[in-house]
Each structure stands twice: as structure tokens, then as C-alpha cells.
Amino acid sequence: MGAIPVAASILVSYLSAITILGYPSEVYTYGSQVFLMTLLGIVTTPIAIFIFVKVMYDLKLTSAYKYLELRYDSVVVRWLGSLIFICQLLFISGIVLYAPSIVMETMMGVPLWMSVIGVGTIGTIYTSVGGIKAFGLMFFNFS
């Protein structure tokens, strides 16, 4: 795949319901600090990428977990890092399903449990059909 559909898919992955619903409420409640953190992320991300990619490339590593194993000379640390990532992903997935479900319940009167199942089903089908390819076909007519 080309750079444009991959970049668009990654962008859409980060623009979840958490971002769309959470940022305005965060700014309303606490002020514009979250916006400043976003700007800082734009500056720090390229620096971090440059440093990490150089280290990973020089060591010929394919994952951060392999780096943890080499750095701490322990498979347990590697597995612990993987376990922490899996737990984080499960928590985030729950929030990503729950946020639009609350909106559907509030706006359309759909029961919360039905909204969660619907959003989860649609997301699963989209992913299994080939999310990036489907996104490209829908919006950019890539084959």
C-alpha cells in the first residue's frame, strides 16, 4: 500500500471517540492545557522517532519488546512489557467502545448494551474485511 492510505488509516485510528468527545470536555473543564500537550507532541514525536529508530536499526531489532529483553537480559521483562501493553489495549478498547455507545444512547435512544454490541460488531467486521483497504476504497478509490 502507498503512504497516503496507510497514513490516513493511522490518523483515523488515533481520532477515536475518545478524542472527539474528550478533548472539548477536557478544554471546557480544565482549560487549554491538553491543546498545549498536543503541540508539544508534534515537536517531541519526531525527536523520539529519530532516537528510537536509530537504536533499533543499529541493533537490528524488530520490536521494542526484544529491546527490553536485550537491555535487561531477561525474558520476564519482555513478557511483562507485552502484558502491560495488552492490558492497556484492552482498557482503551473498552473506552473506545463505550464513548460512542453513550452518544448513541443519548442522541438516538438506543439502549447502551445494544450500542456497545453494534459498535463492536461494526468495528470487528471493518477490521476483518481489511480496514486499511476498505478505508482506501471508500474514500480514495484505491484498489
N, C-alpha and C. Protein backbone atom coordinates (compact mmCIF):
# COMPACT_ATOMS: atom_id res chain seq x y z
N MET A 1 0.84 -1.19 0.00
CA MET A 1 0.00 0.00 0.00
C MET A 1 0.88 1.24 0.00
N GLY A 2 0.33 2.29 -0.54
CA GLY A 2 1.05 3.54 -0.58
C GLY A 2 1.03 4.26 0.76
N ALA A 3 1.80 5.33 0.83
CA ALA A 3 1.94 6.08 2.08
C ALA A 3 0.64 6.79 2.47
N ILE A 4 -0.10 7.29 1.50
CA ILE A 4 -1.31 8.05 1.81
C ILE A 4 -2.38 7.20 2.48
N PRO A 5 -2.75 6.01 1.95
CA PRO A 5 -3.77 5.23 2.65
C PRO A 5 -3.31 4.72 4.01
N VAL A 6 -2.04 4.39 4.14
CA VAL A 6 -1.54 3.94 5.44
C VAL A 6 -1.57 5.09 6.44
N ALA A 7 -1.11 6.27 6.03
CA ALA A 7 -1.13 7.44 6.92
C ALA A 7 -2.56 7.81 7.30
N ALA A 8 -3.48 7.75 6.34
CA ALA A 8 -4.87 8.07 6.64
C ALA A 8 -5.47 7.07 7.62
N SER A 9 -5.14 5.80 7.47
CA SER A 9 -5.65 4.79 8.39
C SER A 9 -5.10 4.98 9.79
N ILE A 10 -3.83 5.30 9.91
CA ILE A 10 -3.24 5.55 11.23
C ILE A 10 -3.88 6.79 11.85
N LEU A 11 -4.09 7.82 11.07
CA LEU A 11 -4.72 9.04 11.58
C LEU A 11 -6.12 8.74 12.09
N VAL A 12 -6.90 7.98 11.33
CA VAL A 12 -8.25 7.64 11.74
C VAL A 12 -8.23 6.80 13.01
N SER A 13 -7.23 5.95 13.16
CA SER A 13 -7.12 5.13 14.37
C SER A 13 -6.94 6.00 15.61
N TYR A 14 -6.21 7.08 15.49
CA TYR A 14 -5.98 7.96 16.63
C TYR A 14 -7.10 8.95 16.85
N LEU A 15 -7.93 9.17 15.85
CA LEU A 15 -9.07 10.08 16.00
C LEU A 15 -10.30 9.28 16.40
N SER A 16 -10.26 8.72 17.57
CA SER A 16 -11.37 7.90 18.04
C SER A 16 -12.40 8.77 18.75
N ALA A 17 -13.41 8.10 19.27
CA ALA A 17 -14.44 8.81 20.03
C ALA A 17 -13.85 9.46 21.27
N ILE A 18 -12.79 8.88 21.81
CA ILE A 18 -12.15 9.48 22.98
C ILE A 18 -11.65 10.88 22.64
N THR A 19 -11.04 11.02 21.50
CA THR A 19 -10.52 12.32 21.08
C THR A 19 -11.65 13.30 20.79
N ILE A 20 -12.61 12.86 20.01
CA ILE A 20 -13.68 13.75 19.57
C ILE A 20 -14.56 14.19 20.74
N LEU A 21 -14.85 13.29 21.66
CA LEU A 21 -15.69 13.63 22.80
C LEU A 21 -14.88 14.17 23.97
N GLY A 22 -13.66 13.67 24.12
CA GLY A 22 -12.88 14.00 25.30
C GLY A 22 -12.19 15.35 25.26
N TYR A 23 -11.65 15.73 24.11
CA TYR A 23 -10.91 16.99 24.04
C TYR A 23 -11.78 18.21 24.36
N PRO A 24 -12.96 18.34 23.76
CA PRO A 24 -13.77 19.51 24.11
C PRO A 24 -14.15 19.57 25.59
N SER A 25 -14.48 18.42 26.17
CA SER A 25 -14.84 18.43 27.59
C SER A 25 -13.62 18.71 28.46
N GLU A 26 -12.46 18.23 28.05
CA GLU A 26 -11.22 18.50 28.78
C GLU A 26 -10.90 19.99 28.76
N VAL A 27 -11.03 20.62 27.59
CA VAL A 27 -10.76 22.06 27.47
C VAL A 27 -11.79 22.85 28.27
N TYR A 28 -13.04 22.45 28.21
CA TYR A 28 -14.09 23.15 28.96
C TYR A 28 -13.85 23.05 30.46
N THR A 29 -13.45 21.88 30.93
CA THR A 29 -13.29 21.66 32.37
C THR A 29 -11.98 22.22 32.91
N TYR A 30 -10.87 21.98 32.20
CA TYR A 30 -9.55 22.30 32.75
C TYR A 30 -8.79 23.38 31.98
N GLY A 31 -9.31 23.84 30.88
CA GLY A 31 -8.60 24.85 30.10
C GLY A 31 -7.84 24.21 28.94
N SER A 32 -7.00 24.99 28.32
CA SER A 32 -6.36 24.58 27.07
C SER A 32 -5.05 23.81 27.25
N GLN A 33 -4.80 23.25 28.42
CA GLN A 33 -3.56 22.50 28.64
C GLN A 33 -3.43 21.31 27.69
N VAL A 34 -4.54 20.63 27.41
CA VAL A 34 -4.49 19.47 26.53
C VAL A 34 -4.05 19.88 25.12
N PHE A 35 -4.44 21.08 24.69
CA PHE A 35 -4.02 21.58 23.39
C PHE A 35 -2.51 21.81 23.37
N LEU A 36 -1.99 22.37 24.46
CA LEU A 36 -0.54 22.59 24.54
C LEU A 36 0.22 21.26 24.55
N MET A 37 -0.34 20.24 25.18
CA MET A 37 0.29 18.93 25.17
C MET A 37 0.31 18.36 23.75
N THR A 38 -0.73 18.61 22.99
CA THR A 38 -0.77 18.15 21.60
C THR A 38 0.31 18.84 20.78
N LEU A 39 0.46 20.15 20.95
CA LEU A 39 1.52 20.88 20.24
C LEU A 39 2.90 20.36 20.62
N LEU A 40 3.10 20.09 21.90
CA LEU A 40 4.38 19.57 22.36
C LEU A 40 4.64 18.19 21.76
N GLY A 41 3.58 17.39 21.60
CA GLY A 41 3.72 16.08 20.97
C GLY A 41 4.20 16.17 19.53
N ILE A 42 3.78 17.21 18.83
CA ILE A 42 4.21 17.40 17.45
C ILE A 42 5.72 17.67 17.40
N VAL A 43 6.25 18.31 18.42
CA VAL A 43 7.69 18.60 18.47
C VAL A 43 8.48 17.39 18.95
N THR A 44 7.99 16.71 19.99
CA THR A 44 8.77 15.64 20.59
C THR A 44 8.70 14.32 19.84
N THR A 45 7.62 14.05 19.13
CA THR A 45 7.49 12.79 18.42
C THR A 45 8.58 12.57 17.38
N PRO A 46 8.90 13.53 16.51
CA PRO A 46 9.99 13.29 15.55
C PRO A 46 11.34 13.06 16.25
N ILE A 47 11.57 13.74 17.35
CA ILE A 47 12.83 13.53 18.09
C ILE A 47 12.89 12.11 18.63
N ALA A 48 11.79 11.66 19.25
CA ALA A 48 11.75 10.31 19.80
C ALA A 48 11.89 9.26 18.70
N ILE A 49 11.21 9.50 17.57
CA ILE A 49 11.31 8.55 16.46
C ILE A 49 12.74 8.46 15.97
N PHE A 50 13.41 9.60 15.81
CA PHE A 50 14.78 9.61 15.33
C PHE A 50 15.69 8.81 16.27
N ILE A 51 15.53 9.02 17.56
CA ILE A 51 16.38 8.33 18.54
C ILE A 51 16.08 6.83 18.56
N PHE A 52 14.80 6.46 18.68
CA PHE A 52 14.44 5.05 18.81
C PHE A 52 14.70 4.28 17.52
N VAL A 53 14.38 4.86 16.39
CA VAL A 53 14.60 4.15 15.13
C VAL A 53 16.09 3.91 14.93
N LYS A 54 16.93 4.87 15.26
CA LYS A 54 18.37 4.69 15.12
C LYS A 54 18.87 3.56 16.01
N VAL A 55 18.44 3.55 17.27
CA VAL A 55 18.87 2.49 18.19
C VAL A 55 18.37 1.13 17.72
N MET A 56 17.10 1.06 17.35
CA MET A 56 16.52 -0.22 16.92
C MET A 56 17.17 -0.71 15.62
N TYR A 57 17.45 0.21 14.71
CA TYR A 57 18.07 -0.18 13.44
C TYR A 57 19.50 -0.67 13.67
N ASP A 58 20.24 0.05 14.49
CA ASP A 58 21.62 -0.35 14.76
C ASP A 58 21.70 -1.72 15.43
N LEU A 59 20.75 -2.03 16.28
CA LEU A 59 20.73 -3.32 16.97
C LEU A 59 20.01 -4.41 16.17
N LYS A 60 19.47 -4.04 15.00
CA LYS A 60 18.73 -4.95 14.13
C LYS A 60 17.57 -5.62 14.87
N LEU A 61 16.79 -4.80 15.58
CA LEU A 61 15.65 -5.29 16.34
C LEU A 61 14.36 -5.03 15.58
N THR A 62 13.38 -5.89 15.81
CA THR A 62 12.09 -5.73 15.14
C THR A 62 10.99 -5.26 16.08
N SER A 63 11.24 -5.21 17.39
CA SER A 63 10.22 -4.75 18.32
C SER A 63 10.85 -4.15 19.56
N ALA A 64 10.08 -3.33 20.24
CA ALA A 64 10.53 -2.74 21.49
C ALA A 64 10.65 -3.80 22.58
N TYR A 65 9.87 -4.87 22.46
CA TYR A 65 9.93 -5.94 23.45
C TYR A 65 11.25 -6.69 23.38
N LYS A 66 11.74 -6.87 22.18
CA LYS A 66 13.06 -7.51 22.02
C LYS A 66 14.14 -6.61 22.62
N TYR A 67 13.97 -5.29 22.47
CA TYR A 67 14.92 -4.36 23.09
C TYR A 67 14.88 -4.50 24.61
N LEU A 68 13.70 -4.61 25.19
CA LEU A 68 13.59 -4.80 26.64
C LEU A 68 14.33 -6.06 27.08
N GLU A 69 14.17 -7.13 26.30
CA GLU A 69 14.85 -8.39 26.63
C GLU A 69 16.36 -8.22 26.58
N LEU A 70 16.86 -7.56 25.56
CA LEU A 70 18.32 -7.35 25.45
C LEU A 70 18.83 -6.38 26.51
N ARG A 71 18.09 -5.32 26.75
CA ARG A 71 18.53 -4.29 27.70
C ARG A 71 18.63 -4.81 29.12
N TYR A 72 17.63 -5.58 29.54
CA TYR A 72 17.59 -6.07 30.92
C TYR A 72 17.97 -7.53 31.04
N ASP A 73 18.36 -8.15 29.91
CA ASP A 73 18.82 -9.54 29.89
C ASP A 73 17.83 -10.46 30.60
N SER A 74 16.54 -10.30 30.26
CA SER A 74 15.51 -11.07 30.93
C SER A 74 14.30 -11.22 30.02
N VAL A 75 13.89 -12.47 29.83
CA VAL A 75 12.68 -12.74 29.07
C VAL A 75 11.46 -12.30 29.87
N VAL A 76 11.57 -12.34 31.19
CA VAL A 76 10.46 -11.94 32.06
C VAL A 76 10.11 -10.47 31.82
N VAL A 77 11.11 -9.61 31.67
CA VAL A 77 10.86 -8.19 31.41
C VAL A 77 10.16 -8.02 30.06
N ARG A 78 10.59 -8.81 29.08
CA ARG A 78 9.95 -8.74 27.77
C ARG A 78 8.48 -9.13 27.88
N TRP A 79 8.19 -10.21 28.57
CA TRP A 79 6.81 -10.67 28.74
C TRP A 79 6.00 -9.67 29.56
N LEU A 80 6.61 -9.07 30.57
CA LEU A 80 5.92 -8.08 31.39
C LEU A 80 5.55 -6.86 30.55
N GLY A 81 6.48 -6.41 29.70
CA GLY A 81 6.18 -5.30 28.79
C GLY A 81 5.02 -5.64 27.85
N SER A 82 5.01 -6.86 27.34
CA SER A 82 3.92 -7.30 26.46
C SER A 82 2.60 -7.35 27.22
N LEU A 83 2.63 -7.86 28.44
CA LEU A 83 1.42 -7.95 29.25
C LEU A 83 0.86 -6.57 29.57
N ILE A 84 1.72 -5.63 29.91
CA ILE A 84 1.28 -4.27 30.19
C ILE A 84 0.63 -3.65 28.95
N PHE A 85 1.23 -3.88 27.78
CA PHE A 85 0.65 -3.35 26.54
C PHE A 85 -0.71 -3.97 26.27
N ILE A 86 -0.86 -5.27 26.47
CA ILE A 86 -2.14 -5.94 26.23
C ILE A 86 -3.20 -5.38 27.17
N CYS A 87 -2.86 -5.20 28.45
CA CYS A 87 -3.82 -4.63 29.41
C CYS A 87 -4.23 -3.21 29.00
N GLN A 88 -3.25 -2.41 28.60
CA GLN A 88 -3.54 -1.04 28.16
C GLN A 88 -4.48 -1.06 26.96
N LEU A 89 -4.21 -1.94 26.01
CA LEU A 89 -5.04 -2.02 24.81
C LEU A 89 -6.47 -2.46 25.15
N LEU A 90 -6.62 -3.38 26.09
CA LEU A 90 -7.95 -3.81 26.50
C LEU A 90 -8.72 -2.68 27.16
N PHE A 91 -8.08 -1.91 28.04
CA PHE A 91 -8.75 -0.78 28.68
C PHE A 91 -9.14 0.28 27.65
N ILE A 92 -8.23 0.60 26.75
CA ILE A 92 -8.53 1.62 25.74
C ILE A 92 -9.65 1.14 24.81
N SER A 93 -9.63 -0.14 24.45
CA SER A 93 -10.69 -0.67 23.58
C SER A 93 -12.06 -0.56 24.25
N GLY A 94 -12.09 -0.81 25.53
CA GLY A 94 -13.35 -0.66 26.26
C GLY A 94 -13.87 0.77 26.23
N ILE A 95 -12.97 1.72 26.41
CA ILE A 95 -13.37 3.13 26.40
C ILE A 95 -13.79 3.55 24.99
N VAL A 96 -13.06 3.06 23.99
CA VAL A 96 -13.38 3.41 22.60
C VAL A 96 -14.75 2.85 22.21
N LEU A 97 -15.14 1.70 22.75
CA LEU A 97 -16.48 1.17 22.51
C LEU A 97 -17.54 1.91 23.32
N TYR A 98 -17.22 2.26 24.54
CA TYR A 98 -18.19 2.85 25.45
C TYR A 98 -18.56 4.29 25.08
N ALA A 99 -17.57 5.09 24.65
CA ALA A 99 -17.82 6.50 24.36
C ALA A 99 -18.87 6.72 23.26
N PRO A 100 -18.73 6.09 22.08
CA PRO A 100 -19.78 6.31 21.08
C PRO A 100 -21.10 5.67 21.47
N SER A 101 -21.04 4.64 22.30
CA SER A 101 -22.28 4.00 22.75
C SER A 101 -23.09 4.93 23.64
N ILE A 102 -22.42 5.70 24.47
CA ILE A 102 -23.11 6.69 25.30
C ILE A 102 -23.77 7.75 24.42
N VAL A 103 -23.06 8.16 23.38
CA VAL A 103 -23.61 9.16 22.46
C VAL A 103 -24.83 8.60 21.74
N MET A 104 -24.75 7.35 21.29
CA MET A 104 -25.88 6.74 20.59
C MET A 104 -27.08 6.60 21.52
N GLU A 105 -26.80 6.27 22.78
CA GLU A 105 -27.90 6.16 23.75
C GLU A 105 -28.55 7.52 23.99
N THR A 106 -27.73 8.54 24.13
CA THR A 106 -28.25 9.88 24.42
C THR A 106 -28.98 10.49 23.21
N MET A 107 -28.38 10.38 22.04
CA MET A 107 -28.92 11.04 20.85
C MET A 107 -30.06 10.27 20.19
N MET A 108 -29.94 8.94 20.15
CA MET A 108 -30.91 8.15 19.38
C MET A 108 -31.79 7.27 20.26
N GLY A 109 -31.50 7.20 21.56
CA GLY A 109 -32.32 6.39 22.44
C GLY A 109 -32.05 4.90 22.36
N VAL A 110 -30.96 4.51 21.70
CA VAL A 110 -30.60 3.09 21.60
C VAL A 110 -30.07 2.64 22.96
N PRO A 111 -30.54 1.50 23.47
CA PRO A 111 -30.02 1.04 24.77
C PRO A 111 -28.51 0.87 24.74
N LEU A 112 -27.87 1.15 25.87
CA LEU A 112 -26.41 1.15 25.95
C LEU A 112 -25.82 -0.20 25.55
N TRP A 113 -26.39 -1.28 26.03
CA TRP A 113 -25.84 -2.60 25.72
C TRP A 113 -25.92 -2.89 24.23
N MET A 114 -27.00 -2.44 23.59
CA MET A 114 -27.16 -2.64 22.15
C MET A 114 -26.15 -1.79 21.37
N SER A 115 -25.89 -0.59 21.85
CA SER A 115 -24.91 0.28 21.21
C SER A 115 -23.52 -0.32 21.29
N VAL A 116 -23.16 -0.84 22.45
CA VAL A 116 -21.83 -1.45 22.62
C VAL A 116 -21.67 -2.64 21.67
N ILE A 117 -22.68 -3.48 21.60
CA ILE A 117 -22.61 -4.64 20.70
C ILE A 117 -22.55 -4.19 19.25
N GLY A 118 -23.35 -3.18 18.88
CA GLY A 118 -23.35 -2.69 17.49
C GLY A 118 -22.02 -2.08 17.08
N VAL A 119 -21.49 -1.22 17.93
CA VAL A 119 -20.19 -0.58 17.61
C VAL A 119 -19.09 -1.64 17.55
N GLY A 120 -19.10 -2.58 18.48
CA GLY A 120 -18.11 -3.65 18.47
C GLY A 120 -18.21 -4.53 17.24
N THR A 121 -19.43 -4.85 16.83
CA THR A 121 -19.64 -5.69 15.64
C THR A 121 -19.18 -4.97 14.38
N ILE A 122 -19.56 -3.72 14.24
CA ILE A 122 -19.14 -2.94 13.07
C ILE A 122 -17.62 -2.82 13.01
N GLY A 123 -17.00 -2.53 14.15
CA GLY A 123 -15.54 -2.43 14.19
C GLY A 123 -14.86 -3.74 13.86
N THR A 124 -15.42 -4.85 14.34
CA THR A 124 -14.84 -6.17 14.05
C THR A 124 -14.96 -6.52 12.57
N ILE A 125 -16.13 -6.27 12.00
CA ILE A 125 -16.32 -6.55 10.57
C ILE A 125 -15.40 -5.67 9.73
N TYR A 126 -15.32 -4.39 10.06
CA TYR A 126 -14.46 -3.46 9.32
C TYR A 126 -13.01 -3.94 9.35
N THR A 127 -12.56 -4.37 10.53
CA THR A 127 -11.18 -4.82 10.67
C THR A 127 -10.96 -6.13 9.92
N SER A 128 -11.89 -7.07 10.04
CA SER A 128 -11.69 -8.37 9.40
C SER A 128 -11.80 -8.28 7.88
N VAL A 129 -12.55 -7.32 7.36
CA VAL A 129 -12.65 -7.16 5.91
C VAL A 129 -11.35 -6.55 5.36
N GLY A 130 -10.61 -5.92 6.21
CA GLY A 130 -9.35 -5.32 5.78
C GLY A 130 -9.43 -3.81 5.91
N GLY A 131 -9.47 -3.33 7.14
CA GLY A 131 -9.70 -1.93 7.47
C GLY A 131 -9.01 -0.92 6.58
N ILE A 132 -7.70 -1.06 6.38
CA ILE A 132 -6.98 -0.07 5.59
C ILE A 132 -7.47 -0.10 4.14
N LYS A 133 -7.63 -1.30 3.61
CA LYS A 133 -8.07 -1.42 2.23
C LYS A 133 -9.49 -0.88 2.07
N ALA A 134 -10.36 -1.20 3.02
CA ALA A 134 -11.73 -0.70 2.96
C ALA A 134 -11.77 0.81 3.06
N PHE A 135 -10.94 1.37 3.94
CA PHE A 135 -10.88 2.83 4.08
C PHE A 135 -10.42 3.46 2.77
N GLY A 136 -9.38 2.90 2.17
CA GLY A 136 -8.87 3.42 0.91
C GLY A 136 -9.90 3.33 -0.21
N LEU A 137 -10.63 2.22 -0.25
CA LEU A 137 -11.65 2.06 -1.29
C LEU A 137 -12.79 3.04 -1.09
N MET A 138 -13.17 3.26 0.17
CA MET A 138 -14.30 4.14 0.44
C MET A 138 -13.99 5.60 0.11
N PHE A 139 -12.80 6.06 0.50
CA PHE A 139 -12.53 7.49 0.42
C PHE A 139 -11.55 7.90 -0.68
N PHE A 140 -10.69 7.00 -1.11
CA PHE A 140 -9.66 7.39 -2.08
C PHE A 140 -9.70 6.58 -3.36
N ASN A 141 -10.61 5.62 -3.49
CA ASN A 141 -10.71 4.75 -4.64
C ASN A 141 -9.40 4.04 -4.96
N PHE A 142 -8.70 3.58 -3.92
CA PHE A 142 -7.50 2.76 -4.12
C PHE A 142 -7.96 1.32 -4.26
N SER A 143 -7.27 0.56 -5.06
CA SER A 143 -7.61 -0.85 -5.18
C SER A 143 -6.56 -1.71 -4.54
